[in-house]
Protein backbone atom coordinates (compact mmCIF):
# COMPACT_ATOMS: atom_id res chain seq x y z
CA MET A 1 0.00 0.00 0.00
CA GLY A 2 1.27 3.50 -0.81
CA GLU A 3 2.19 6.16 1.67
CA THR A 4 -0.26 8.77 2.98
CA LYS A 5 1.33 12.19 3.22
CA ASN A 6 -0.94 15.08 4.15
CA LEU A 7 0.54 18.48 3.35
CA SER A 8 -0.29 21.94 4.63
CA GLY A 9 0.79 25.52 4.20
CA LYS A 10 3.56 26.33 1.75
CA GLU A 11 4.35 22.66 1.10
CA ALA A 12 0.69 22.03 0.13
CA VAL A 13 0.60 25.09 -2.15
CA GLU A 14 3.81 23.98 -3.89
CA LYS A 15 2.39 20.47 -4.45
CA LEU A 16 -0.86 21.97 -5.78
CA GLN A 17 1.10 24.23 -8.15
CA GLU A 18 3.22 21.29 -9.34
CA LEU A 19 0.22 19.03 -10.03
CA VAL A 20 -1.89 21.71 -11.71
CA LYS A 21 0.98 22.88 -13.92
CA ALA A 22 1.65 19.31 -15.07
CA ALA A 23 -2.01 18.58 -15.84
CA ASP A 24 -3.07 22.11 -16.94
CA ILE A 25 -6.60 21.10 -17.99
CA CYS A 26 -9.20 20.19 -15.40
CA LEU A 27 -12.80 19.13 -15.49
CA PHE A 28 -14.47 22.16 -13.90
CA THR A 29 -17.70 21.04 -12.26
CA THR A 30 -20.53 23.27 -11.07
CA ASN A 31 -24.11 22.79 -9.88
CA LEU A 32 -22.93 20.05 -7.52
CA THR A 33 -26.37 19.19 -6.14
CA GLN A 34 -28.02 18.33 -9.45
CA LEU A 35 -27.45 15.19 -11.53
CA PRO A 36 -26.02 14.79 -13.99
CA LEU A 37 -23.19 17.04 -12.87
CA SER A 38 -22.43 20.02 -15.06
CA THR A 39 -18.78 19.78 -16.06
CA ARG A 40 -16.51 21.07 -18.78
CA PRO A 41 -12.76 21.11 -19.53
CA MET A 42 -10.97 24.31 -18.59
CA SER A 43 -7.37 25.43 -18.67
CA THR A 44 -5.97 26.76 -15.40
CA GLN A 45 -4.27 30.11 -15.92
CA ASP A 46 -2.39 30.15 -12.63
CA VAL A 47 -2.13 28.87 -9.08
CA ASP A 48 -0.94 31.72 -6.89
CA ASP A 49 1.17 31.58 -3.74
CA ASN A 50 -1.99 31.43 -1.60
CA GLY A 51 -3.19 28.30 -3.44
CA TYR A 52 -5.98 30.06 -5.33
CA LEU A 53 -6.64 28.73 -8.84
CA TRP A 54 -7.33 31.27 -11.61
CA PHE A 55 -9.32 30.82 -14.85
CA LEU A 56 -10.64 32.96 -17.69
CA SER A 57 -14.35 32.52 -18.35
CA GLY A 58 -17.22 33.94 -20.39
CA LYS A 59 -19.60 36.16 -18.42
CA SER A 60 -22.70 34.69 -20.07
CA SER A 61 -21.58 31.04 -19.89
CA HIS A 62 -23.69 28.39 -18.14
CA LYS A 63 -20.75 27.85 -15.79
CA ASN A 64 -20.86 31.45 -14.63
CA GLU A 65 -24.65 31.27 -14.22
CA ASP A 66 -24.17 28.15 -12.07
CA ILE A 67 -21.55 29.96 -9.94
CA THR A 68 -23.93 32.88 -9.40
CA ALA A 69 -26.55 30.45 -8.07
CA ASP A 70 -24.09 28.31 -6.04
CA ASN A 71 -20.38 29.09 -5.92
CA ARG A 72 -19.27 25.59 -4.81
CA VAL A 73 -17.16 23.84 -7.47
CA GLN A 74 -15.18 20.64 -7.87
CA LEU A 75 -12.10 20.47 -10.10
CA PHE A 76 -10.61 17.19 -11.32
CA TYR A 77 -7.05 17.06 -12.72
CA TYR A 78 -5.25 14.14 -14.35
CA ASN A 79 -1.67 14.13 -15.59
CA LYS A 80 -1.64 11.18 -17.96
CA SER A 81 2.13 11.07 -18.47
CA SER A 82 2.91 10.78 -14.75
CA ALA A 83 -0.30 9.15 -13.48
CA GLU A 84 -0.93 11.99 -11.04
CA TYR A 85 -4.42 12.93 -9.92
CA LEU A 86 -5.88 15.86 -8.02
CA SER A 87 -9.36 16.68 -6.77
CA VAL A 88 -10.10 20.21 -5.55
CA TYR A 89 -13.36 21.21 -3.88
CA GLY A 90 -13.74 24.93 -3.37
CA GLU A 91 -15.59 28.18 -3.77
CA ALA A 92 -15.49 30.17 -7.00
CA GLU A 93 -15.62 33.92 -7.23
CA LYS A 94 -16.09 35.98 -10.40
CA PHE A 95 -14.14 39.16 -11.17
CA ASP A 96 -15.01 41.58 -13.97
CA ASP A 97 -11.66 43.34 -13.68
CA ARG A 98 -9.57 44.31 -16.72
CA LYS A 99 -6.37 44.33 -14.63
CA LEU A 100 -6.95 40.71 -13.58
CA VAL A 101 -7.81 39.74 -17.17
CA GLU A 102 -4.52 41.28 -18.30
CA GLU A 103 -2.63 39.49 -15.52
CA HIS A 104 -4.04 36.04 -16.42
CA TRP A 105 -4.28 36.42 -20.20
CA THR A 106 -2.49 34.01 -22.54
CA PRO A 107 -2.43 34.12 -26.35
CA ILE A 108 -4.39 30.84 -26.58
CA ALA A 109 -7.33 32.53 -24.77
CA LYS A 110 -8.03 34.45 -27.97
CA THR A 111 -9.50 31.19 -29.30
CA TRP A 112 -12.50 31.74 -26.97
CA PHE A 113 -12.42 35.52 -26.71
CA THR A 114 -12.02 36.78 -30.27
CA GLU A 115 -11.66 40.43 -29.28
CA GLY A 116 -8.67 39.54 -27.12
CA LYS A 117 -8.07 40.93 -23.65
CA ASP A 118 -10.60 43.71 -24.29
CA ASP A 119 -13.43 41.31 -25.13
CA PRO A 120 -16.35 42.47 -22.95
CA GLU A 121 -17.34 38.82 -22.43
CA VAL A 122 -14.13 37.77 -20.62
CA GLU A 123 -13.91 37.73 -16.86
CA VAL A 124 -11.74 35.98 -14.31
CA LEU A 125 -12.70 33.16 -11.96
CA ARG A 126 -10.80 32.47 -8.76
CA VAL A 127 -11.29 29.19 -6.93
CA LYS A 128 -10.43 29.05 -3.25
CA PRO A 129 -9.66 25.40 -2.40
CA LEU A 130 -11.50 24.18 0.70
CA GLU A 131 -10.59 20.50 0.41
CA SER A 132 -7.99 19.00 -1.92
CA TYR A 133 -6.73 15.45 -2.31
CA TYR A 134 -3.91 14.16 -4.49
CA TRP A 135 -2.58 10.82 -5.73
CA ASP A 136 0.99 10.72 -7.02
CA THR A 137 2.61 7.51 -8.28
CA LYS A 138 6.08 9.13 -8.07
CA HIS A 139 6.87 7.50 -11.44
CA ASN A 140 5.71 7.78 -14.99
CA ARG A 141 2.80 5.71 -16.23
CA MET A 142 4.99 2.97 -17.74
CA VAL A 143 6.84 2.35 -14.45
CA ALA A 144 3.56 2.40 -12.49
CA ALA A 145 2.01 -0.14 -14.91
CA LEU A 146 5.08 -2.37 -14.68
CA LYS A 147 4.87 -2.31 -10.87
CA ILE A 148 1.20 -3.29 -11.01
CA VAL A 149 1.88 -6.21 -13.34
CA THR A 150 4.90 -7.35 -11.30
CA GLY A 151 2.89 -7.10 -8.09
CA ALA A 152 0.06 -9.13 -9.63
CA VAL A 153 2.46 -11.86 -10.77
CA THR A 154 4.56 -12.05 -7.60
CA GLY A 155 1.86 -11.22 -5.08
CA ILE A 156 4.13 -8.57 -3.58
CA THR A 157 2.73 -5.07 -3.24
CA MET A 158 4.94 -2.68 -5.17
CA ASP A 159 2.88 0.46 -4.70
CA ASP A 160 5.19 3.26 -3.61
CA GLY A 161 2.81 6.04 -4.53
CA VAL A 162 1.89 8.89 -2.24
CA GLU A 163 -1.54 10.34 -1.56
CA GLY A 164 -3.00 12.78 0.88
CA ASN A 165 -4.85 15.96 1.72
CA LEU A 166 -3.58 19.37 0.66
CA GLN A 167 -4.54 22.05 3.17
CA VAL A 168 -3.67 25.20 1.22
CA THR A 169 -6.07 27.82 2.60
CA ARG A 170 -7.44 28.59 6.03
């Protein structure tokens, strides 16, 4: 069985930044009390030193409507090349602030906001993590798969992965 390693403070924020940067895209889920869940892929623009996750979003999107009604969100990250996983439950806040748009803008965002940074439809979302959990195999996918197969054949557990809570905000 792998190791459980709960992290807090700066160490948790650094792990969150590392995992989000490696995965980049998450499934951003809103309207958590209604089934089926409302989810869509989104690119994370940044994870700041406080552990807040930043996104660019369309003001009139269903996602933003959902956040207005209930700001609780769940984000799911998966880094396929390293078999790392991250689940973040938190509260989203919307900002219609040109300075924040400028700060979090990337050229690829023009794909969704054709008028660029000045597109009146673009606003910024900030997610404050309330509960986060990670799974990290410590190896790439090939090594992890080999350990699983070897463990199945020999009957010896070869799981040296790490998992745990990330307490990034208070």
